[in-house]
Amino acid sequence: MPTSTPFFIGVLALGAGALRATELAGQSSSPDSGTFVIRHASDTVAVEHFARTATTLNGTLAVRDAKGTAQIYKAVVAPDASVPLIEVTVQEKPDSGKTRGRVVERARVIFKEDSAAVDALTNHGLETRLFGTERGAVPYLNLSFALLEQAVRRSRAMDPGGASVPLFNLGGGQTVDGRVSSLGVDSLALAIGTVEFHLRVDGSGRVLGGRIPAQGVVVDRLGS
């Protein structure tokens, strides 16, 4: 079963590359929102609420752990479905009534060309690091299916038939290859290292649900 990885994020730089005007026009999307419920057997391990527009992707990934960890992200989406910037706040015991969660870390990520500059503000102060990555990489946050959906959209923007997409691991700074293959008319496989996700998708690339067969994890999408 996937577990929450140590979080490290900041400012990443990543270039999208030029696209023709007709290609840019084809990548716009209608506003969308929903909730992913991630379960292992009968246990809910995480819940992710998200909202997407043509230029933004915002969400909260709440992990059911002892500390009540929530990872709140705000991303900028480019016309080619890449993510040039993402900001993440990690807090324990998410907002509830008048009680506000304790912020563990704040970070901002900006991608440019094939490098990633990372600024992270923790209880140890501000730390800045520069990582190598690949053009058009999409941020990957463990258990975030809204960001996996963004990877699917990026893959289709690169090739309507589906293409491998580089993923920048926000839990460590590595760039890994997300290998996309078809499982039928309305499903695809997304392999990240040795982990393979089976995702149900619609014609626009929206993830409608899925599973991680080898780990017994099932994901349901609620809402529009």
Protein backbone atom coordinates (compact mmCIF):
# COMPACT_ATOMS: atom_id res chain seq x y z
CA MET A 1 0.00 0.00 0.00
CA PRO A 2 1.42 3.44 -0.82
CA THR A 3 2.37 5.54 2.17
CA SER A 4 3.00 9.24 2.57
CA THR A 5 6.54 10.12 1.50
CA PRO A 6 8.72 12.68 3.30
CA PHE A 7 7.79 15.98 1.76
CA PHE A 8 10.33 18.21 0.10
CA ILE A 9 9.22 20.88 -2.30
CA GLY A 10 10.07 24.44 -3.22
CA VAL A 11 10.55 26.34 -6.42
CA LEU A 12 11.07 24.30 -9.56
CA ALA A 13 11.75 25.65 -13.01
CA LEU A 14 10.49 23.88 -16.08
CA GLY A 15 10.03 25.02 -19.65
CA ALA A 16 7.04 23.93 -21.70
CA GLY A 17 8.38 24.71 -25.16
CA ALA A 18 6.56 26.46 -27.97
CA LEU A 19 3.27 25.21 -29.38
CA ARG A 20 1.32 26.31 -32.41
CA ALA A 21 -1.78 28.42 -31.75
CA THR A 22 -4.07 25.61 -32.87
CA GLU A 23 -2.45 23.21 -30.41
CA LEU A 24 -2.82 25.70 -27.57
CA ALA A 25 -6.49 26.22 -28.28
CA GLY A 26 -7.14 22.51 -28.10
CA GLN A 27 -5.79 22.19 -24.55
CA SER A 28 -8.33 24.42 -22.77
CA SER A 29 -10.63 22.66 -20.31
CA SER A 30 -13.87 23.44 -18.53
CA PRO A 31 -13.89 24.03 -14.76
CA ASP A 32 -14.08 20.75 -12.87
CA SER A 33 -14.06 19.62 -9.25
CA GLY A 34 -14.52 16.48 -7.20
CA THR A 35 -13.20 14.19 -4.50
CA PHE A 36 -11.00 11.11 -4.69
CA VAL A 37 -11.41 8.56 -1.91
CA ILE A 38 -8.44 6.19 -1.64
CA ARG A 39 -9.05 2.90 0.16
CA HIS A 40 -7.00 -0.13 1.11
CA ALA A 41 -9.33 -3.06 1.79
CA SER A 42 -12.08 -1.52 3.94
CA ASP A 43 -9.89 1.32 5.29
CA THR A 44 -9.88 4.84 3.86
CA VAL A 45 -6.22 5.90 3.73
CA ALA A 46 -6.64 9.34 2.12
CA VAL A 47 -9.23 11.77 0.76
CA GLU A 48 -8.42 14.38 -1.86
CA HIS A 49 -10.66 17.35 -2.71
CA PHE A 50 -9.71 19.30 -5.84
CA ALA A 51 -10.87 22.01 -8.22
CA ARG A 52 -9.52 22.51 -11.73
CA THR A 53 -9.80 25.26 -14.33
CA ALA A 54 -7.99 25.74 -17.64
CA THR A 55 -5.15 27.54 -15.79
CA THR A 56 -5.21 26.26 -12.20
CA LEU A 57 -5.37 23.08 -10.12
CA ASN A 58 -6.00 23.46 -6.39
CA GLY A 59 -6.57 20.71 -3.87
CA THR A 60 -6.21 19.27 -0.39
CA LEU A 61 -4.91 15.76 0.16
CA ALA A 62 -5.80 14.59 3.68
CA VAL A 63 -3.98 11.45 4.77
CA ARG A 64 -5.56 9.32 7.50
CA ASP A 65 -2.50 9.09 9.72
CA ALA A 66 -1.94 9.70 13.43
CA LYS A 67 -1.00 13.35 12.83
CA GLY A 68 -3.90 14.13 10.51
CA THR A 69 -1.52 15.34 7.81
CA ALA A 70 -2.96 17.50 5.05
CA GLN A 71 -1.07 18.65 1.96
CA ILE A 72 -2.68 21.73 0.40
CA TYR A 73 -1.52 22.57 -3.10
CA LYS A 74 -2.09 25.35 -5.61
CA ALA A 75 -0.75 24.80 -9.12
CA VAL A 76 -0.57 26.86 -12.29
CA VAL A 77 -1.45 24.89 -15.43
CA ALA A 78 0.02 25.84 -18.81
CA PRO A 79 -1.80 25.50 -22.16
CA ASP A 80 0.18 22.33 -22.94
CA ALA A 81 -0.98 20.74 -19.62
CA SER A 82 2.43 21.09 -17.98
CA VAL A 83 2.65 22.65 -14.50
CA PRO A 84 5.12 25.56 -14.41
CA LEU A 85 4.46 26.35 -10.75
CA ILE A 86 3.06 24.63 -7.67
CA GLU A 87 2.83 25.77 -4.06
CA VAL A 88 2.28 23.30 -1.23
CA THR A 89 1.55 23.74 2.46
CA VAL A 90 1.89 20.71 4.73
CA GLN A 91 0.02 20.88 8.01
CA GLU A 92 -0.98 18.56 10.81
CA LYS A 93 -4.53 18.43 12.12
CA PRO A 94 -6.28 20.27 9.24
CA ASP A 95 -8.62 23.21 9.88
CA SER A 96 -11.60 22.21 11.99
CA GLY A 97 -13.95 24.82 13.38
CA LYS A 98 -11.89 27.48 15.13
CA THR A 99 -8.80 25.28 15.33
CA ARG A 100 -6.18 25.74 12.63
CA GLY A 101 -3.70 23.02 11.75
CA ARG A 102 -0.02 23.37 12.65
CA VAL A 103 1.97 24.24 9.53
CA VAL A 104 4.93 21.86 9.14
CA GLU A 105 6.28 23.15 5.83
CA ARG A 106 5.54 25.66 3.09
CA ALA A 107 7.09 25.42 -0.33
CA ARG A 108 6.84 26.78 -3.83
CA VAL A 109 7.94 25.07 -7.02
CA ILE A 110 8.66 26.71 -10.40
CA PHE A 111 9.74 24.66 -13.41
CA LYS A 112 11.88 26.12 -16.20
CA GLU A 113 13.59 24.27 -19.02
CA ASP A 114 15.25 21.17 -17.52
CA SER A 115 15.97 22.46 -14.02
CA ALA A 116 14.01 22.77 -10.79
CA ALA A 117 14.84 25.38 -8.16
CA VAL A 118 13.31 24.38 -4.82
CA ASP A 119 12.62 26.79 -1.94
CA ALA A 120 11.18 25.16 1.18
CA LEU A 121 10.36 26.92 4.45
CA THR A 122 10.42 24.54 7.42
CA ASN A 123 11.05 24.86 11.15
CA HIS A 124 14.75 24.78 10.23
CA GLY A 125 14.39 27.93 8.13
CA LEU A 126 14.45 28.57 4.38
CA GLU A 127 16.28 26.03 2.23
CA THR A 128 16.91 26.47 -1.48
CA ARG A 129 18.07 23.70 -3.79
CA LEU A 130 18.37 23.22 -7.53
CA PHE A 131 17.40 19.93 -9.16
CA GLY A 132 17.78 18.64 -12.68
CA THR A 133 14.56 17.44 -14.29
CA GLU A 134 13.03 17.11 -17.75
CA ARG A 135 11.07 19.55 -19.89
CA GLY A 136 7.35 19.35 -19.27
CA ALA A 137 7.63 17.37 -16.04
CA VAL A 138 4.48 17.16 -13.92
CA PRO A 139 4.71 17.28 -10.10
CA TYR A 140 4.01 13.93 -8.44
CA LEU A 141 2.63 13.80 -4.91
CA ASN A 142 2.11 10.37 -3.41
CA LEU A 143 -1.62 9.45 -3.28
CA SER A 144 -2.70 12.55 -5.27
CA PHE A 145 -4.92 11.34 -8.08
CA ALA A 146 -5.72 14.88 -9.21
CA LEU A 147 -2.02 15.31 -10.04
CA LEU A 148 -1.99 11.88 -11.71
CA GLU A 149 -4.89 13.14 -13.81
CA GLN A 150 -2.73 16.12 -14.75
CA ALA A 151 -0.06 13.67 -15.90
CA VAL A 152 -2.66 11.93 -18.08
CA ARG A 153 -3.66 15.28 -19.57
CA ARG A 154 -0.01 16.15 -20.18
CA SER A 155 0.54 12.77 -21.85
CA ARG A 156 -2.37 13.36 -24.23
CA ALA A 157 -1.16 16.89 -24.98
CA MET A 158 2.17 15.41 -26.05
CA ASP A 159 0.53 12.64 -28.12
CA PRO A 160 -3.26 12.07 -28.48
CA GLY A 161 -2.54 8.35 -28.41
CA GLY A 162 -0.74 8.68 -25.07
CA ALA A 163 2.93 9.28 -24.36
CA SER A 164 5.27 8.72 -21.44
CA VAL A 165 5.47 11.78 -19.23
CA PRO A 166 8.26 12.76 -16.80
CA LEU A 167 7.11 13.13 -13.19
CA PHE A 168 8.95 15.22 -10.61
CA ASN A 169 8.68 13.53 -7.22
CA LEU A 170 7.78 16.15 -4.62
CA GLY A 171 8.78 13.66 -1.94
CA GLY A 172 12.45 13.65 -2.85
CA GLY A 173 13.28 15.63 -5.98
CA GLN A 174 13.81 12.72 -8.37
CA THR A 175 12.38 12.71 -11.88
CA VAL A 176 10.82 9.42 -12.89
CA ASP A 177 9.21 8.21 -16.09
CA GLY A 178 5.42 7.78 -16.09
CA ARG A 179 4.79 5.16 -18.76
CA VAL A 180 1.28 5.30 -20.21
CA SER A 181 -0.36 2.41 -22.06
CA SER A 182 -3.93 1.60 -23.07
CA LEU A 183 -6.11 -0.90 -21.21
CA GLY A 184 -9.12 -0.47 -23.47
CA VAL A 185 -11.51 2.21 -24.64
CA ASP A 186 -11.96 3.91 -21.26
CA SER A 187 -8.96 2.77 -19.21
CA LEU A 188 -5.19 3.14 -19.16
CA ALA A 189 -2.19 1.98 -17.19
CA LEU A 190 0.26 4.49 -15.73
CA ALA A 191 3.45 2.82 -14.51
CA ILE A 192 5.76 4.73 -12.17
CA GLY A 193 8.78 2.60 -11.44
CA THR A 194 7.45 -0.75 -10.22
CA VAL A 195 4.04 0.69 -9.26
CA GLU A 196 1.28 0.44 -11.88
CA PHE A 197 -1.94 2.42 -11.64
CA HIS A 198 -5.01 1.29 -13.58
CA LEU A 199 -7.14 4.37 -14.24
CA ARG A 200 -10.61 4.78 -15.72
CA VAL A 201 -10.67 7.92 -17.84
CA ASP A 202 -13.09 9.76 -20.08
CA GLY A 203 -12.42 11.34 -23.46
CA SER A 204 -11.03 14.56 -21.98
CA GLY A 205 -8.59 12.76 -19.70
CA ARG A 206 -10.60 13.06 -16.46
CA VAL A 207 -9.79 10.25 -14.04
CA LEU A 208 -13.07 8.64 -12.94
CA GLY A 209 -11.54 6.06 -10.59
CA GLY A 210 -8.89 3.40 -10.52
CA ARG A 211 -6.81 0.99 -8.51
CA ILE A 212 -3.29 -0.17 -7.77
CA PRO A 213 -3.68 -3.92 -8.36
CA ALA A 214 -0.47 -5.06 -6.69
CA GLN A 215 -1.25 -3.16 -3.48
CA GLY A 216 -4.98 -3.74 -3.12
CA VAL A 217 -5.71 -0.01 -3.34
CA VAL A 218 -8.99 1.21 -4.87
CA VAL A 219 -9.81 4.81 -5.79
CA ASP A 220 -13.32 6.19 -6.27
CA ARG A 221 -14.20 9.61 -7.60
CA LEU A 222 -17.14 11.45 -6.10
CA GLY A 223 -18.78 14.56 -7.50
CA SER A 224 -18.77 16.00 -11.01
